[in-house]
Amino acid sequence: MEDEKIREAVLKVALGFCMEEVTEEYGVEDGALKLVKRKETRKDVPPDLRAVRLLMDGPDVAALTDEELEAEKQRLLRALAEHENRKEEV
């Protein structure tokens, strides 16, 4: 389970992703804190080639069975489709 979470995180970095960042500034007004400024920023994080290399060097594909290779292929295609869908939504 933990290995799968790590693999998904590396895959996300390998494909690149979009994130939103919120910055808030507060000031004291009438003795109380009050929101003065709020800024929302969308950042595109480009694909990272080191993560791609890590994924490619990861499992020894020569040792996988045909069924395992097909399962890995389908998993990667799903991940790529999800990534493309998220890019289109933004």
PDB file of N, CA and C in Angstrom:
ATOM      1  N   MET A   1       0.826  -1.203   0.000  1.00  0.00           N
ATOM      2  CA  MET A   1       0.000   0.000   0.000  1.00  0.00           C
ATOM      3  C   MET A   1       0.864   1.258   0.000  1.00  0.00           C
ATOM      4  N   GLU A   2       1.855   1.301   0.877  1.00  0.00           N
ATOM      5  CA  GLU A   2       2.745   2.454   0.954  1.00  0.00           C
ATOM      6  C   GLU A   2       3.558   2.598  -0.329  1.00  0.00           C
ATOM      7  N   ASP A   3       4.008   1.463  -0.892  1.00  0.00           N
ATOM      8  CA  ASP A   3       4.757   1.492  -2.146  1.00  0.00           C
ATOM      9  C   ASP A   3       3.911   2.068  -3.269  1.00  0.00           C
ATOM     10  N   GLU A   4       2.632   1.737  -3.289  1.00  0.00           N
ATOM     11  CA  GLU A   4       1.736   2.237  -4.334  1.00  0.00           C
ATOM     12  C   GLU A   4       1.551   3.752  -4.200  1.00  0.00           C
ATOM     13  N   LYS A   5       1.462   4.257  -2.971  1.00  0.00           N
ATOM     14  CA  LYS A   5       1.333   5.705  -2.761  1.00  0.00           C
ATOM     15  C   LYS A   5       2.580   6.436  -3.247  1.00  0.00           C
ATOM     16  N   ILE A   6       3.744   5.850  -2.972  1.00  0.00           N
ATOM     17  CA  ILE A   6       4.994   6.457  -3.422  1.00  0.00           C
ATOM     18  C   ILE A   6       5.058   6.444  -4.938  1.00  0.00           C
ATOM     19  N   ARG A   7       4.687   5.329  -5.527  1.00  0.00           N
ATOM     20  CA  ARG A   7       4.708   5.205  -6.992  1.00  0.00           C
ATOM     21  C   ARG A   7       3.757   6.213  -7.636  1.00  0.00           C
ATOM     22  N   GLU A   8       2.577   6.402  -7.051  1.00  0.00           N
ATOM     23  CA  GLU A   8       1.619   7.372  -7.578  1.00  0.00           C
ATOM     24  C   GLU A   8       2.167   8.793  -7.471  1.00  0.00           C
ATOM     25  N   ALA A   9       2.857   9.092  -6.371  1.00  0.00           N
ATOM     26  CA  ALA A   9       3.446  10.424  -6.203  1.00  0.00           C
ATOM     27  C   ALA A   9       4.545  10.665  -7.231  1.00  0.00           C
ATOM     28  N   VAL A  10       5.387   9.655  -7.462  1.00  0.00           N
ATOM     29  CA  VAL A  10       6.450   9.788  -8.461  1.00  0.00           C
ATOM     30  C   VAL A  10       5.837   9.931  -9.854  1.00  0.00           C
ATOM     31  N   LEU A  11       4.779   9.183 -10.134  1.00  0.00           N
ATOM     32  CA  LEU A  11       4.106   9.282 -11.429  1.00  0.00           C
ATOM     33  C   LEU A  11       3.529  10.684 -11.632  1.00  0.00           C
ATOM     34  N   LYS A  12       2.945  11.247 -10.582  1.00  0.00           N
ATOM     35  CA  LYS A  12       2.391  12.603 -10.663  1.00  0.00           C
ATOM     36  C   LYS A  12       3.485  13.603 -11.033  1.00  0.00           C
ATOM     37  N   VAL A  13       4.644  13.475 -10.391  1.00  0.00           N
ATOM     38  CA  VAL A  13       5.761  14.377 -10.682  1.00  0.00           C
ATOM     39  C   VAL A  13       6.297  14.118 -12.092  1.00  0.00           C
ATOM     40  N   ALA A  14       6.344  12.862 -12.501  1.00  0.00           N
ATOM     41  CA  ALA A  14       6.848  12.516 -13.835  1.00  0.00           C
ATOM     42  C   ALA A  14       5.962  13.106 -14.926  1.00  0.00           C
ATOM     43  N   LEU A  15       4.654  13.131 -14.709  1.00  0.00           N
ATOM     44  CA  LEU A  15       3.718  13.643 -15.709  1.00  0.00           C
ATOM     45  C   LEU A  15       3.553  15.159 -15.647  1.00  0.00           C
ATOM     46  N   GLY A  16       3.905  15.746 -14.504  1.00  0.00           N
ATOM     47  CA  GLY A  16       3.649  17.168 -14.297  1.00  0.00           C
ATOM     48  C   GLY A  16       2.246  17.336 -13.738  1.00  0.00           C
ATOM     49  N   PHE A  17       1.992  18.447 -13.072  1.00  0.00           N
ATOM     50  CA  PHE A  17       0.682  18.653 -12.470  1.00  0.00           C
ATOM     51  C   PHE A  17       0.435  20.133 -12.247  1.00  0.00           C
ATOM     52  N   CYS A  18      -0.776  20.437 -11.873  1.00  0.00           N
ATOM     53  CA  CYS A  18      -1.193  21.806 -11.600  1.00  0.00           C
ATOM     54  C   CYS A  18      -1.595  21.891 -10.130  1.00  0.00           C
ATOM     55  N   MET A  19      -1.216  22.977  -9.474  1.00  0.00           N
ATOM     56  CA  MET A  19      -1.603  23.143  -8.073  1.00  0.00           C
ATOM     57  C   MET A  19      -2.059  24.575  -7.842  1.00  0.00           C
ATOM     58  N   GLU A  20      -2.886  24.731  -6.841  1.00  0.00           N
ATOM     59  CA  GLU A  20      -3.360  26.058  -6.480  1.00  0.00           C
ATOM     60  C   GLU A  20      -2.786  26.441  -5.138  1.00  0.00           C
ATOM     61  N   GLU A  21      -2.381  27.695  -5.036  1.00  0.00           N
ATOM     62  CA  GLU A  21      -1.768  28.201  -3.815  1.00  0.00           C
ATOM     63  C   GLU A  21      -2.568  29.405  -3.349  1.00  0.00           C
ATOM     64  N   VAL A  22      -2.880  29.444  -2.068  1.00  0.00           N
ATOM     65  CA  VAL A  22      -3.645  30.553  -1.501  1.00  0.00           C
ATOM     66  C   VAL A  22      -2.768  31.271  -0.484  1.00  0.00           C
ATOM     67  N   THR A  23      -2.648  32.593  -0.651  1.00  0.00           N
ATOM     68  CA  THR A  23      -1.881  33.418   0.280  1.00  0.00           C
ATOM     69  C   THR A  23      -2.838  34.430   0.902  1.00  0.00           C
ATOM     70  N   GLU A  24      -2.827  34.489   2.223  1.00  0.00           N
ATOM     71  CA  GLU A  24      -3.698  35.431   2.922  1.00  0.00           C
ATOM     72  C   GLU A  24      -2.862  36.335   3.821  1.00  0.00           C
ATOM     73  N   GLU A  25      -3.208  37.625   3.815  1.00  0.00           N
ATOM     74  CA  GLU A  25      -2.554  38.593   4.686  1.00  0.00           C
ATOM     75  C   GLU A  25      -3.596  39.143   5.653  1.00  0.00           C
ATOM     76  N   TYR A  26      -3.212  39.216   6.924  1.00  0.00           N
ATOM     77  CA  TYR A  26      -4.114  39.713   7.956  1.00  0.00           C
ATOM     78  C   TYR A  26      -3.538  40.984   8.562  1.00  0.00           C
ATOM     79  N   GLY A  27      -4.424  41.840   9.013  1.00  0.00           N
ATOM     80  CA  GLY A  27      -4.029  43.061   9.689  1.00  0.00           C
ATOM     81  C   GLY A  27      -4.914  43.265  10.912  1.00  0.00           C
ATOM     82  N   VAL A  28      -4.445  44.101  11.827  1.00  0.00           N
ATOM     83  CA  VAL A  28      -5.218  44.382  13.041  1.00  0.00           C
ATOM     84  C   VAL A  28      -6.093  45.594  12.777  1.00  0.00           C
ATOM     85  N   GLU A  29      -7.383  45.411  12.989  1.00  0.00           N
ATOM     86  CA  GLU A  29      -8.335  46.487  12.774  1.00  0.00           C
ATOM     87  C   GLU A  29      -9.311  46.482  13.939  1.00  0.00           C
ATOM     88  N   ASP A  30      -9.399  47.578  14.652  1.00  0.00           N
ATOM     89  CA  ASP A  30     -10.256  47.684  15.838  1.00  0.00           C
ATOM     90  C   ASP A  30      -9.907  46.603  16.859  1.00  0.00           C
ATOM     91  N   GLY A  31      -8.623  46.304  17.000  1.00  0.00           N
ATOM     92  CA  GLY A  31      -8.171  45.344  18.006  1.00  0.00           C
ATOM     93  C   GLY A  31      -8.385  43.885  17.634  1.00  0.00           C
ATOM     94  N   ALA A  32      -8.822  43.618  16.418  1.00  0.00           N
ATOM     95  CA  ALA A  32      -9.046  42.229  16.000  1.00  0.00           C
ATOM     96  C   ALA A  32      -8.361  41.980  14.660  1.00  0.00           C
ATOM     97  N   LEU A  33      -7.992  40.736  14.454  1.00  0.00           N
ATOM     98  CA  LEU A  33      -7.395  40.371  13.172  1.00  0.00           C
ATOM     99  C   LEU A  33      -8.471  40.350  12.095  1.00  0.00           C
ATOM    100  N   LYS A  34      -8.118  40.909  10.960  1.00  0.00           N
ATOM    101  CA  LYS A  34      -9.063  40.933   9.857  1.00  0.00           C
ATOM    102  C   LYS A  34      -8.309  40.617   8.571  1.00  0.00           C
ATOM    103  N   LEU A  35      -8.944  39.841   7.705  1.00  0.00           N
ATOM    104  CA  LEU A  35      -8.352  39.492   6.418  1.00  0.00           C
ATOM    105  C   LEU A  35      -8.248  40.758   5.568  1.00  0.00           C
ATOM    106  N   VAL A  36      -7.009  41.079   5.164  1.00  0.00           N
ATOM    107  CA  VAL A  36      -6.764  42.280   4.386  1.00  0.00           C
ATOM    108  C   VAL A  36      -6.657  41.943   2.897  1.00  0.00           C
ATOM    109  N   LYS A  37      -5.972  40.849   2.604  1.00  0.00           N
ATOM    110  CA  LYS A  37      -5.707  40.519   1.211  1.00  0.00           C
ATOM    111  C   LYS A  37      -5.672  39.001   1.055  1.00  0.00           C
ATOM    112  N   ARG A  38      -6.280  38.510  -0.004  1.00  0.00           N
ATOM    113  CA  ARG A  38      -6.274  37.072  -0.320  1.00  0.00           C
ATOM    114  C   ARG A  38      -5.922  36.920  -1.789  1.00  0.00           C
ATOM    115  N   LYS A  39      -4.929  36.070  -2.047  1.00  0.00           N
ATOM    116  CA  LYS A  39      -4.471  35.882  -3.417  1.00  0.00           C
ATOM    117  C   LYS A  39      -4.452  34.388  -3.732  1.00  0.00           C
ATOM    118  N   GLU A  40      -5.125  34.010  -4.815  1.00  0.00           N
ATOM    119  CA  GLU A  40      -5.128  32.621  -5.267  1.00  0.00           C
ATOM    120  C   GLU A  40      -4.316  32.545  -6.552  1.00  0.00           C
ATOM    121  N   THR A  41      -3.378  31.613  -6.574  1.00  0.00           N
ATOM    122  CA  THR A  41      -2.492  31.460  -7.718  1.00  0.00           C
ATOM    123  C   THR A  41      -2.512  30.018  -8.185  1.00  0.00           C
ATOM    124  N   ARG A  42      -2.569  29.823  -9.479  1.00  0.00           N
ATOM    125  CA  ARG A  42      -2.486  28.482 -10.071  1.00  0.00           C
ATOM    126  C   ARG A  42      -1.092  28.303 -10.638  1.00  0.00           C
ATOM    127  N   LYS A  43      -0.435  27.229 -10.244  1.00  0.00           N
ATOM    128  CA  LYS A  43       0.927  26.978 -10.712  1.00  0.00           C
ATOM    129  C   LYS A  43       0.962  25.658 -11.476  1.00  0.00           C
ATOM    130  N   ASP A  44       1.587  25.699 -12.641  1.00  0.00           N
ATOM    131  CA  ASP A  44       1.815  24.483 -13.412  1.00  0.00           C
ATOM    132  C   ASP A  44       3.219  23.993 -13.107  1.00  0.00           C
ATOM    133  N   VAL A  45       3.307  22.762 -12.638  1.00  0.00           N
ATOM    134  CA  VAL A  45       4.594  22.145 -12.355  1.00  0.00           C
ATOM    135  C   VAL A  45       4.912  21.240 -13.539  1.00  0.00           C
ATOM    136  N   PRO A  46       5.998  21.518 -14.262  1.00  0.00           N
ATOM    137  CA  PRO A  46       6.301  20.738 -15.469  1.00  0.00           C
ATOM    138  C   PRO A  46       6.747  19.316 -15.125  1.00  0.00           C
ATOM    139  N   PRO A  47       6.662  18.418 -16.091  1.00  0.00           N
ATOM    140  CA  PRO A  47       7.139  17.048 -15.872  1.00  0.00           C
ATOM    141  C   PRO A  47       8.615  17.048 -15.469  1.00  0.00           C
ATOM    142  N   ASP A  48       8.974  16.121 -14.604  1.00  0.00           N
ATOM    143  CA  ASP A  48      10.343  16.005 -14.105  1.00  0.00           C
ATOM    144  C   ASP A  48      10.987  14.758 -14.699  1.00  0.00           C
ATOM    145  N   LEU A  49      12.058  14.949 -15.454  1.00  0.00           N
ATOM    146  CA  LEU A  49      12.714  13.834 -16.131  1.00  0.00           C
ATOM    147  C   LEU A  49      13.354  12.855 -15.152  1.00  0.00           C
ATOM    148  N   ARG A  50      13.780  13.333 -13.994  1.00  0.00           N
ATOM    149  CA  ARG A  50      14.348  12.403 -13.007  1.00  0.00           C
ATOM    150  C   ARG A  50      13.292  11.424 -12.518  1.00  0.00           C
ATOM    151  N   ALA A  51      12.057  11.907 -12.360  1.00  0.00           N
ATOM    152  CA  ALA A  51      10.970  11.020 -11.943  1.00  0.00           C
ATOM    153  C   ALA A  51      10.639  10.021 -13.044  1.00  0.00           C
ATOM    154  N   VAL A  52      10.692  10.469 -14.285  1.00  0.00           N
ATOM    155  CA  VAL A  52      10.453   9.562 -15.420  1.00  0.00           C
ATOM    156  C   VAL A  52      11.503   8.459 -15.413  1.00  0.00           C
ATOM    157  N   ARG A  53      12.750   8.847 -15.241  1.00  0.00           N
ATOM    158  CA  ARG A  53      13.830   7.861 -15.218  1.00  0.00           C
ATOM    159  C   ARG A  53      13.654   6.884 -14.056  1.00  0.00           C
ATOM    160  N   LEU A  54      13.250   7.406 -12.911  1.00  0.00           N
ATOM    161  CA  LEU A  54      13.026   6.538 -11.749  1.00  0.00           C
ATOM    162  C   LEU A  54      11.936   5.512 -12.048  1.00  0.00           C
ATOM    163  N   LEU A  55      10.871   5.945 -12.709  1.00  0.00           N
ATOM    164  CA  LEU A  55       9.801   5.017 -13.072  1.00  0.00           C
ATOM    165  C   LEU A  55      10.279   3.988 -14.092  1.00  0.00           C
ATOM    166  N   MET A  56      11.072   4.435 -15.044  1.00  0.00           N
ATOM    167  CA  MET A  56      11.542   3.526 -16.084  1.00  0.00           C
ATOM    168  C   MET A  56      12.561   2.519 -15.542  1.00  0.00           C
ATOM    169  N   ASP A  57      13.368   2.954 -14.594  1.00  0.00           N
ATOM    170  CA  ASP A  57      14.366   2.065 -14.009  1.00  0.00           C
ATOM    171  C   ASP A  57      13.782   1.214 -12.892  1.00  0.00           C
ATOM    172  N   GLY A  58      12.554   1.534 -12.481  1.00  0.00           N
ATOM    173  CA  GLY A  58      11.916   0.866 -11.351  1.00  0.00           C
ATOM    174  C   GLY A  58      11.846  -0.641 -11.471  1.00  0.00           C
ATOM    175  N   PRO A  59      10.721  -1.197 -11.823  1.00  0.00           N
ATOM    176  CA  PRO A  59      10.609  -2.651 -11.847  1.00  0.00           C
ATOM    177  C   PRO A  59      11.362  -3.239 -13.036  1.00  0.00           C
ATOM    178  N   ASP A  60      11.888  -4.423 -12.840  1.00  0.00           N
ATOM    179  CA  ASP A  60      12.589  -5.126 -13.913  1.00  0.00           C
ATOM    180  C   ASP A  60      11.520  -5.739 -14.815  1.00  0.00           C
ATOM    181  N   VAL A  61      11.228  -5.071 -15.928  1.00  0.00           N
ATOM    182  CA  VAL A  61      10.139  -5.516 -16.791  1.00  0.00           C
ATOM    183  C   VAL A  61      10.427  -6.872 -17.423  1.00  0.00           C
ATOM    184  N   ALA A  62      11.680  -7.240 -17.541  1.00  0.00           N
ATOM    185  CA  ALA A  62      12.016  -8.541 -18.120  1.00  0.00           C
ATOM    186  C   ALA A  62      11.556  -9.680 -17.220  1.00  0.00           C
ATOM    187  N   ALA A  63      11.417  -9.397 -15.927  1.00  0.00           N
ATOM    188  CA  ALA A  63      11.028 -10.440 -14.984  1.00  0.00           C
ATOM    189  C   ALA A  63       9.506 -10.553 -14.832  1.00  0.00           C
ATOM    190  N   LEU A  64       8.759  -9.631 -15.430  1.00  0.00           N
ATOM    191  CA  LEU A  64       7.307  -9.642 -15.293  1.00  0.00           C
ATOM    192  C   LEU A  64       6.685 -10.649 -16.263  1.00  0.00           C
ATOM    193  N   THR A  65       5.575 -11.231 -15.835  1.00  0.00           N
ATOM    194  CA  THR A  65       4.831 -12.134 -16.710  1.00  0.00           C
ATOM    195  C   THR A  65       4.044 -11.297 -17.722  1.00  0.00           C
ATOM    196  N   ASP A  66       3.494 -11.924 -18.734  1.00  0.00           N
ATOM    197  CA  ASP A  66       2.692 -11.212 -19.719  1.00  0.00           C
ATOM    198  C   ASP A  66       1.492 -10.531 -19.061  1.00  0.00           C
ATOM    199  N   GLU A  67       0.878 -11.219 -18.103  1.00  0.00           N
ATOM    200  CA  GLU A  67      -0.280 -10.650 -17.407  1.00  0.00           C
ATOM    201  C   GLU A  67       0.133  -9.424 -16.593  1.00  0.00           C
ATOM    202  N   GLU A  68       1.290  -9.490 -15.919  1.00  0.00           N
ATOM    203  CA  GLU A  68       1.772  -8.354 -15.129  1.00  0.00           C
ATOM    204  C   GLU A  68       2.133  -7.182 -16.029  1.00  0.00           C
ATOM    205  N   LEU A  69       2.730  -7.471 -17.183  1.00  0.00           N
ATOM    206  CA  LEU A  69       3.052  -6.401 -18.132  1.00  0.00           C
ATOM    207  C   LEU A  69       1.786  -5.728 -18.651  1.00  0.00           C
ATOM    208  N   GLU A  70       0.782  -6.524 -18.967  1.00  0.00           N
ATOM    209  CA  GLU A  70      -0.486  -5.958 -19.445  1.00  0.00           C
ATOM    210  C   GLU A  70      -1.140  -5.116 -18.355  1.00  0.00           C
ATOM    211  N   ALA A  71      -1.116  -5.599 -17.123  1.00  0.00           N
ATOM    212  CA  ALA A  71      -1.690  -4.841 -16.003  1.00  0.00           C
ATOM    213  C   ALA A  71      -0.952  -3.515 -15.809  1.00  0.00           C
ATOM    214  N   GLU A  72       0.359  -3.548 -15.901  1.00  0.00           N
ATOM    215  CA  GLU A  72       1.158  -2.316 -15.757  1.00  0.00           C
ATOM    216  C   GLU A  72       0.872  -1.356 -16.905  1.00  0.00           C
ATOM    217  N   LYS A  73       0.751  -1.863 -18.100  1.00  0.00           N
ATOM    218  CA  LYS A  73       0.425  -1.034 -19.266  1.00  0.00           C
ATOM    219  C   LYS A  73      -0.925  -0.345 -19.062  1.00  0.00           C
ATOM    220  N   GLN A  74      -1.929  -1.107 -18.625  1.00  0.00           N
ATOM    221  CA  GLN A  74      -3.260  -0.544 -18.402  1.00  0.00           C
ATOM    222  C   GLN A  74      -3.244   0.497 -17.292  1.00  0.00           C
ATOM    223  N   ARG A  75      -2.480   0.237 -16.241  1.00  0.00           N
ATOM    224  CA  ARG A  75      -2.379   1.187 -15.125  1.00  0.00           C
ATOM    225  C   ARG A  75      -1.754   2.499 -15.604  1.00  0.00           C
ATOM    226  N   LEU A  76      -0.694   2.414 -16.386  1.00  0.00           N
ATOM    227  CA  LEU A  76      -0.040   3.619 -16.893  1.00  0.00           C
ATOM    228  C   LEU A  76      -0.938   4.375 -17.869  1.00  0.00           C
ATOM    229  N   LEU A  77      -1.681   3.659 -18.704  1.00  0.00           N
ATOM    230  CA  LEU A  77      -2.615   4.323 -19.615  1.00  0.00           C
ATOM    231  C   LEU A  77      -3.725   5.041 -18.847  1.00  0.00           C
ATOM    232  N   ARG A  78      -4.234   4.410 -17.778  1.00  0.00           N
ATOM    233  CA  ARG A  78      -5.249   5.070 -16.939  1.00  0.00           C
ATOM    234  C   ARG A  78      -4.679   6.327 -16.285  1.00  0.00           C
ATOM    235  N   ALA A  79      -3.456   6.235 -15.766  1.00  0.00           N
ATOM    236  CA  ALA A  79      -2.824   7.384 -15.119  1.00  0.00           C
ATOM    237  C   ALA A  79      -2.631   8.523 -16.113  1.00  0.00           C
ATOM    238  N   LEU A  80      -2.220   8.192 -17.321  1.00  0.00           N
ATOM    239  CA  LEU A  80      -2.040   9.211 -18.349  1.00  0.00           C
ATOM    240  C   LEU A  80      -3.378   9.855 -18.724  1.00  0.00           C
ATOM    241  N   ALA A  81      -4.425   9.043 -18.860  1.00  0.00           N
ATOM    242  CA  ALA A  81      -5.755   9.578 -19.186  1.00  0.00           C
ATOM    243  C   ALA A  81      -6.269  10.483 -18.072  1.00  0.00           C
ATOM    244  N   GLU A  82      -6.064  10.089 -16.816  1.00  0.00           N
ATOM    245  CA  GLU A  82      -6.479  10.927 -15.684  1.00  0.00           C
ATOM    246  C   GLU A  82      -5.736  12.258 -15.708  1.00  0.00           C
ATOM    247  N   HIS A  83      -4.446  12.197 -15.989  1.00  0.00           N
ATOM    248  CA  HIS A  83      -3.646  13.407 -16.051  1.00  0.00           C
ATOM    249  C   HIS A  83      -4.160  14.323 -17.156  1.00  0.00           C
ATOM    250  N   GLU A  84      -4.439  13.781 -18.304  1.00  0.00           N
ATOM    251  CA  GLU A  84      -4.957  14.587 -19.418  1.00  0.00           C
ATOM    252  C   GLU A  84      -6.313  15.191 -19.069  1.00  0.00           C
ATOM    253  N   ASN A  85      -7.171  14.429 -18.398  1.00  0.00           N
ATOM    254  CA  ASN A  85      -8.491  14.936 -17.996  1.00  0.00           C
ATOM    255  C   ASN A  85      -8.349  16.099 -17.021  1.00  0.00           C
ATOM    256  N   ARG A  86      -7.418  15.986 -16.070  1.00  0.00           N
ATOM    257  CA  ARG A  86      -7.201  17.072 -15.104  1.00  0.00           C
ATOM    258  C   ARG A  86      -6.679  18.323 -15.798  1.00  0.00           C
ATOM    259  N   LYS A  87      -5.812  18.157 -16.809  1.00  0.00           N
ATOM    260  CA  LYS A  87      -5.303  19.307 -17.544  1.00  0.00           C
ATOM    261  C   LYS A  87      -6.422  20.003 -18.286  1.00  0.00           C
ATOM    262  N   GLU A  88      -7.355  19.227 -18.864  1.00  0.00           N
ATOM    263  CA  GLU A  88      -8.463  19.805 -19.616  1.00  0.00           C
ATOM    264  C   GLU A  88      -9.444  20.551 -18.706  1.00  0.00           C
ATOM    265  N   GLU A  89      -9.596  20.079 -17.470  1.00  0.00           N
ATOM    266  CA  GLU A  89     -10.522  20.710 -16.532  1.00  0.00           C
ATOM    267  C   GLU A  89     -10.044  22.077 -16.101  1.00  0.00           C
ATOM    268  N   VAL A  90      -8.745  22.273 -16.098  1.00  0.00           N
ATOM    269  CA  VAL A  90      -8.172  23.540 -15.606  1.00  0.00           C
ATOM    270  C   VAL A  90      -8.094  24.529 -16.682  1.00  0.00           C
TER     271      VAL A  90
END
